[in-house]
N, C-alpha and C. Protein backbone atom coordinates (compact mmCIF):
# COMPACT_ATOMS: atom_id res chain seq x y z
N MET A 1 0.94 -1.16 0.26
CA MET A 1 0.05 -0.13 -0.15
C MET A 1 1.21 1.30 -0.16
N LYS A 2 0.50 1.84 -0.79
CA LYS A 2 1.78 3.51 -1.22
C LYS A 2 1.16 3.97 -0.35
N ARG A 3 1.81 4.72 1.07
CA ARG A 3 1.21 5.90 1.43
C ARG A 3 1.79 7.37 0.46
N LEU A 4 0.61 8.24 0.70
CA LEU A 4 0.86 9.55 -0.19
C LEU A 4 1.23 10.36 0.56
N PRO A 5 2.01 10.87 0.39
CA PRO A 5 2.73 12.22 1.90
C PRO A 5 1.91 13.27 2.86
N GLY A 6 3.14 13.36 3.34
CA GLY A 6 1.58 14.22 4.06
C GLY A 6 2.91 14.97 5.59
N LYS A 7 1.98 15.47 6.17
CA LYS A 7 3.03 15.97 7.93
C LYS A 7 4.04 14.54 8.49
N ARG A 8 4.85 15.20 8.88
CA ARG A 8 5.12 14.04 9.63
C ARG A 8 4.58 13.37 10.69
N GLY A 9 4.57 12.23 10.52
CA GLY A 9 3.63 11.28 11.34
C GLY A 9 2.12 11.42 11.37
N GLU A 10 2.00 12.04 10.03
CA GLU A 10 -0.05 11.89 9.22
C GLU A 10 0.90 10.52 7.80
N HIS A 11 -0.10 9.93 7.84
CA HIS A 11 -0.63 9.23 6.38
C HIS A 11 -1.28 9.12 6.31
N HIS A 12 -1.05 9.34 4.64
CA HIS A 12 -2.44 10.11 3.60
C HIS A 12 -2.72 8.12 2.74
N TYR A 13 -4.08 7.57 2.82
CA TYR A 13 -3.94 6.75 1.70
C TYR A 13 -5.45 7.40 0.20
N ASP A 14 -5.09 6.63 -0.60
CA ASP A 14 -6.13 6.40 -1.06
C ASP A 14 -6.84 5.61 -1.21
N PRO A 15 -8.07 6.56 -1.46
CA PRO A 15 -9.01 5.79 -0.75
C PRO A 15 -9.81 5.52 -1.94
N GLN A 16 -9.27 4.23 -2.62
CA GLN A 16 -9.76 3.38 -3.97
C GLN A 16 -8.80 2.27 -3.00
N GLN A 17 -7.87 2.43 -1.98
CA GLN A 17 -7.37 1.47 -2.12
C GLN A 17 -7.59 1.04 -1.28
N VAL A 18 -9.04 1.73 -0.44
CA VAL A 18 -9.94 1.10 0.82
C VAL A 18 -10.05 1.04 0.61
N LEU A 19 -11.21 -0.91 1.46
CA LEU A 19 -12.55 -1.34 1.42
C LEU A 19 -13.85 -0.72 1.65
N TYR A 20 -14.03 -0.29 3.02
CA TYR A 20 -14.64 -0.17 4.00
C TYR A 20 -13.31 0.39 5.27
N LEU A 21 -13.59 1.09 6.25
CA LEU A 21 -13.50 1.44 7.72
C LEU A 21 -14.65 1.01 8.38
N THR A 22 -13.93 0.78 9.64
CA THR A 22 -14.68 1.05 10.88
C THR A 22 -14.26 1.36 12.05
N GLY A 23 -15.19 1.74 12.51
CA GLY A 23 -15.29 3.21 13.77
C GLY A 23 -15.80 1.89 15.85
N HIS A 24 -14.14 2.82 16.19
CA HIS A 24 -14.47 2.67 17.63
C HIS A 24 -14.00 3.46 18.50
N ILE A 25 -14.85 3.65 19.41
CA ILE A 25 -14.85 5.18 19.93
C ILE A 25 -14.69 6.54 18.74
N ASN A 26 -12.78 7.02 19.42
CA ASN A 26 -12.34 8.25 18.54
C ASN A 26 -11.29 7.23 17.10
N TYR A 27 -11.91 6.24 17.12
CA TYR A 27 -10.37 5.79 15.51
C TYR A 27 -11.39 4.79 14.86
N SER A 28 -10.31 4.45 13.74
CA SER A 28 -11.56 3.83 12.75
C SER A 28 -10.04 2.90 12.45
N PHE A 29 -10.37 1.82 11.36
CA PHE A 29 -10.13 1.14 11.04
C PHE A 29 -10.28 0.40 10.24
N LEU A 30 -8.79 1.04 8.52
CA LEU A 30 -8.96 1.12 7.33
C LEU A 30 -8.40 0.14 6.95
N HIS A 31 -9.63 -1.00 6.27
CA HIS A 31 -9.32 -2.29 5.73
C HIS A 31 -9.37 -2.55 4.16
N LEU A 32 -8.11 -2.36 4.00
CA LEU A 32 -7.65 -1.95 2.62
C LEU A 32 -8.14 -3.62 1.38
N LEU A 33 -7.44 -3.23 0.04
CA LEU A 33 -8.04 -4.44 -0.13
C LEU A 33 -6.85 -5.50 -0.76
N ASN A 34 -5.84 -5.23 0.33
CA ASN A 34 -4.84 -5.92 -0.24
C ASN A 34 -4.55 -6.65 1.81
N GLY A 35 -5.44 -6.93 2.61
CA GLY A 35 -6.07 -7.09 3.69
C GLY A 35 -5.50 -6.56 4.50
N GLU A 36 -4.50 -6.05 4.62
CA GLU A 36 -4.19 -5.06 5.43
C GLU A 36 -5.10 -4.47 6.55
N VAL A 37 -4.94 -4.23 7.14
CA VAL A 37 -6.04 -2.93 8.79
C VAL A 37 -4.83 -1.94 9.01
N VAL A 38 -4.96 -0.65 8.92
CA VAL A 38 -4.59 0.00 8.77
C VAL A 38 -6.02 0.85 10.67
N MET A 39 -5.14 1.27 11.37
CA MET A 39 -6.23 2.07 12.84
C MET A 39 -5.19 4.21 12.08
N SER A 40 -6.59 4.25 12.26
CA SER A 40 -6.13 5.28 12.42
C SER A 40 -6.86 6.54 13.32
N CYS A 41 -6.35 7.59 13.84
CA CYS A 41 -7.01 8.78 15.12
C CYS A 41 -8.01 9.36 14.45
N ARG A 42 -8.19 8.63 13.16
CA ARG A 42 -9.77 10.10 13.27
C ARG A 42 -10.72 9.43 12.93
N THR A 43 -11.62 10.23 13.25
CA THR A 43 -13.49 9.52 13.71
C THR A 43 -13.62 9.58 11.67
N LEU A 44 -14.64 8.39 11.40
CA LEU A 44 -15.56 8.03 10.78
C LEU A 44 -16.65 9.02 9.56
N LYS A 45 -17.19 9.93 10.77
CA LYS A 45 -17.20 11.30 10.47
C LYS A 45 -16.11 11.92 9.76
N TRP A 46 -14.72 11.99 10.21
CA TRP A 46 -14.72 12.47 9.71
C TRP A 46 -13.64 12.16 7.88
N PHE A 47 -13.36 10.93 7.63
CA PHE A 47 -13.66 9.91 6.76
C PHE A 47 -14.77 10.14 5.52
N GLU A 48 -16.21 10.40 6.42
CA GLU A 48 -17.18 10.27 5.33
C GLU A 48 -17.43 11.96 4.85
N ASP A 49 -16.83 13.37 5.68
CA ASP A 49 -16.71 14.52 4.71
C ASP A 49 -15.46 14.37 4.00
N GLN A 50 -14.69 13.61 3.91
CA GLN A 50 -13.45 14.04 3.32
C GLN A 50 -13.97 12.64 1.79
N TRP A 51 -14.18 11.55 2.27
CA TRP A 51 -14.01 10.51 1.35
C TRP A 51 -15.60 10.78 0.65
N PRO A 52 -16.35 11.23 0.19
CA PRO A 52 -18.14 11.35 -0.67
C PRO A 52 -17.96 10.29 -1.24
N GLN A 53 -17.45 9.55 -1.85
CA GLN A 53 -18.30 8.24 -2.15
C GLN A 53 -17.80 6.91 -1.37
N PHE A 54 -17.58 7.10 0.15
CA PHE A 54 -18.28 6.53 0.33
C PHE A 54 -19.16 6.04 1.52
N LEU A 55 -20.24 5.62 1.70
CA LEU A 55 -21.72 5.01 2.31
C LEU A 55 -21.50 5.03 3.43
N ARG A 56 -22.52 5.22 4.21
CA ARG A 56 -21.89 5.34 5.97
C ARG A 56 -23.56 4.24 5.84
N VAL A 57 -23.31 2.89 6.28
CA VAL A 57 -24.36 1.99 6.23
C VAL A 57 -24.61 1.70 7.75
N HIS A 58 -23.71 2.12 8.45
CA HIS A 58 -24.42 1.82 10.08
C HIS A 58 -23.23 2.94 11.20
N LYS A 59 -23.51 3.19 12.55
CA LYS A 59 -23.86 3.94 13.13
C LYS A 59 -21.31 3.86 12.94
N LYS A 60 -21.37 2.58 12.77
CA LYS A 60 -19.71 2.41 12.75
C LYS A 60 -19.18 1.43 11.44
N VAL A 61 -19.34 1.68 10.18
CA VAL A 61 -19.61 1.38 9.35
C VAL A 61 -19.48 2.14 8.29
N LEU A 62 -18.16 2.40 7.32
CA LEU A 62 -18.73 3.95 6.16
C LEU A 62 -17.81 2.83 5.20
N ILE A 63 -18.63 1.79 3.98
CA ILE A 63 -17.73 1.49 3.37
C ILE A 63 -17.60 2.08 1.98
N ASN A 64 -16.43 1.55 0.61
CA ASN A 64 -16.87 2.22 -0.16
C ASN A 64 -17.60 1.58 -1.45
N GLN A 65 -18.71 2.45 -1.95
CA GLN A 65 -19.64 1.98 -2.24
C GLN A 65 -18.56 1.64 -4.13
N THR A 66 -17.45 1.88 -4.26
CA THR A 66 -16.90 1.11 -5.84
C THR A 66 -16.78 -0.72 -5.78
N TYR A 67 -16.53 -1.26 -4.25
CA TYR A 67 -16.52 -2.35 -3.42
C TYR A 67 -17.48 -3.16 -3.11
N ILE A 68 -18.81 -2.80 -3.60
CA ILE A 68 -20.16 -3.48 -2.73
C ILE A 68 -20.03 -4.70 -3.66
N ALA A 69 -20.58 -5.82 -3.45
CA ALA A 69 -20.74 -6.59 -4.64
C ALA A 69 -22.31 -6.98 -4.60
N SER A 70 -23.25 -7.31 -3.57
CA SER A 70 -24.38 -7.22 -3.51
C SER A 70 -25.06 -6.53 -2.41
N CYS A 71 -26.17 -5.77 -2.60
CA CYS A 71 -27.44 -6.40 -1.42
C CYS A 71 -28.72 -6.80 -1.64
N LYS A 72 -28.95 -7.85 0.18
CA LYS A 72 -30.25 -8.38 -0.07
C LYS A 72 -30.68 -7.41 0.97
N PRO A 73 -32.25 -7.23 0.76
CA PRO A 73 -33.04 -6.33 1.34
C PRO A 73 -34.25 -7.10 2.12
N ALA A 74 -34.20 -6.50 2.77
CA ALA A 74 -35.65 -7.60 3.80
C ALA A 74 -36.88 -7.60 3.44
N GLY A 75 -37.43 -8.53 3.27
CA GLY A 75 -38.97 -9.48 3.23
C GLY A 75 -39.75 -7.93 3.21
N ASN A 76 -39.17 -7.85 4.98
CA ASN A 76 -40.56 -6.55 5.26
C ASN A 76 -40.01 -5.89 6.48
N SER A 77 -40.96 -5.04 7.18
CA SER A 77 -40.18 -4.05 8.15
C SER A 77 -38.92 -4.92 9.46
N THR A 78 -39.60 -5.79 9.73
CA THR A 78 -38.72 -6.30 10.75
C THR A 78 -37.74 -6.88 10.36
N ASP A 79 -37.35 -8.03 9.36
CA ASP A 79 -36.41 -7.75 8.99
C ASP A 79 -35.21 -7.31 8.60
N THR A 80 -34.21 -7.92 8.72
CA THR A 80 -32.25 -7.54 8.32
C THR A 80 -32.28 -7.23 7.32
N ASN A 81 -31.90 -5.94 6.51
CA ASN A 81 -31.12 -6.13 5.67
C ASN A 81 -29.66 -5.52 5.12
N TYR A 82 -29.11 -6.43 4.47
CA TYR A 82 -27.76 -6.29 4.68
C TYR A 82 -27.02 -5.96 3.15
N ILE A 83 -25.24 -5.58 3.73
CA ILE A 83 -24.69 -5.53 2.17
C ILE A 83 -23.34 -6.27 2.64
N THR A 84 -23.44 -7.06 1.04
CA THR A 84 -21.57 -7.63 0.91
C THR A 84 -20.93 -6.69 0.26
N MET A 85 -19.67 -7.01 0.35
CA MET A 85 -18.44 -6.21 0.24
C MET A 85 -18.23 -7.30 -0.66
N ILE A 86 -17.15 -7.10 -2.31
CA ILE A 86 -16.40 -7.82 -2.68
C ILE A 86 -15.54 -8.80 -1.99
N ASN A 87 -15.70 -9.54 -0.92
CA ASN A 87 -14.84 -9.72 -0.16
C ASN A 87 -15.18 -10.88 0.91
N ASP A 88 -16.05 -10.16 0.71
CA ASP A 88 -17.63 -11.74 1.77
C ASP A 88 -17.88 -11.46 2.55
N THR A 89 -17.50 -10.00 2.97
CA THR A 89 -17.97 -9.20 4.33
C THR A 89 -19.67 -9.15 4.01
N SER A 90 -20.01 -9.11 5.19
CA SER A 90 -21.48 -8.58 5.82
C SER A 90 -21.33 -7.30 6.27
N PHE A 91 -22.06 -6.33 5.91
CA PHE A 91 -23.02 -5.69 7.17
C PHE A 91 -24.39 -5.44 7.35
N GLU A 92 -24.35 -5.29 8.60
CA GLU A 92 -25.66 -5.23 8.97
C GLU A 92 -26.18 -3.51 8.35
N ILE A 93 -26.82 -3.38 7.82
CA ILE A 93 -27.33 -1.57 7.08
C ILE A 93 -29.01 -1.24 8.40
N ALA A 94 -28.28 -0.32 9.30
CA ALA A 94 -29.18 0.23 10.00
C ALA A 94 -30.08 0.63 9.62
N ARG A 95 -31.26 0.38 10.46
CA ARG A 95 -33.07 0.31 10.57
C ARG A 95 -33.01 2.20 10.05
N ARG A 96 -32.95 2.70 10.49
CA ARG A 96 -32.63 4.05 9.76
C ARG A 96 -32.09 5.05 8.86
N ARG A 97 -31.61 4.22 8.47
CA ARG A 97 -30.79 4.52 7.36
C ARG A 97 -30.90 3.07 5.97
N VAL A 98 -31.29 2.52 6.11
CA VAL A 98 -32.07 1.80 5.14
C VAL A 98 -33.05 2.04 3.98
N PRO A 99 -33.99 3.17 3.80
CA PRO A 99 -34.19 4.40 2.83
C PRO A 99 -33.19 4.48 1.54
N GLY A 100 -32.39 5.78 2.33
CA GLY A 100 -31.28 6.06 1.75
C GLY A 100 -30.46 4.73 0.96
N VAL A 101 -30.19 4.08 1.75
CA VAL A 101 -29.40 3.59 0.88
C VAL A 101 -29.55 2.12 0.22
N LEU A 102 -30.86 2.07 0.27
CA LEU A 102 -31.63 1.20 -0.70
C LEU A 102 -32.28 2.45 -2.03
N ASN A 103 -31.92 3.15 -1.53
CA ASN A 103 -32.66 4.29 -3.21
C ASN A 103 -30.85 4.70 -4.05
N LEU A 104 -30.10 4.91 -3.65
CA LEU A 104 -28.95 4.53 -3.53
C LEU A 104 -28.49 3.63 -4.68
N LEU A 105 -28.08 2.31 -3.97
CA LEU A 105 -27.75 1.05 -4.52
C LEU A 105 -28.81 0.40 -5.50
N ALA A 106 -30.35 1.23 -5.40
CA ALA A 106 -31.33 1.27 -6.64
C ALA A 106 -30.85 1.43 -7.95
N GLN A 107 -30.03 3.19 -7.13
CA GLN A 107 -29.59 3.54 -8.49
C GLN A 107 -28.26 2.96 -9.54
N LEU A 108 -27.16 2.30 -8.57
CA LEU A 108 -25.92 1.68 -8.44
C LEU A 108 -26.66 0.17 -9.32
N GLU A 109 -27.52 0.17 -9.35
CA GLU A 109 -28.58 -1.67 -9.85
C GLU A 109 -27.55 -2.16 -9.58
N LEU A 110 -27.88 -2.15 -8.18
CA LEU A 110 -26.49 -3.77 -7.03
C LEU A 110 -27.66 -4.79 -6.48
N MET A 111 -28.84 -4.28 -6.65
CA MET A 111 -30.77 -4.57 -5.86
C MET A 111 -30.25 -6.31 -6.41
N SER A 112 -30.47 -7.25 -5.39
CA SER A 112 -30.23 -8.72 -5.99
C SER A 112 -31.25 -9.44 -4.88
N ALA A 113 -32.05 -9.95 -5.63
CA ALA A 113 -34.24 -10.84 -4.76
C ALA A 113 -33.07 -11.79 -3.68
């Protein structure tokens, strides 16, 4: 993974090399395409503002729309909606984020039965 130049002690990563990010308190974990996981002292909110091509599907998950493999919508309102990445990692879509996420995925034509 090539790091882009930055200030001393800071590393900047190419967003296209990031599959998804997970958050824990004030830290984010960047899950890269090559399988590497990098911890960052930035919050998911910071990354969400910096990288508009990423989609917030849950309070603790920010995914790169480019690497979405499929979405399995729930049959009814009590079931859970899931989104699957190209590395077969699945994430639950938060109940309040479902309409926005499903609308975006329908535009991207990633909905599966």
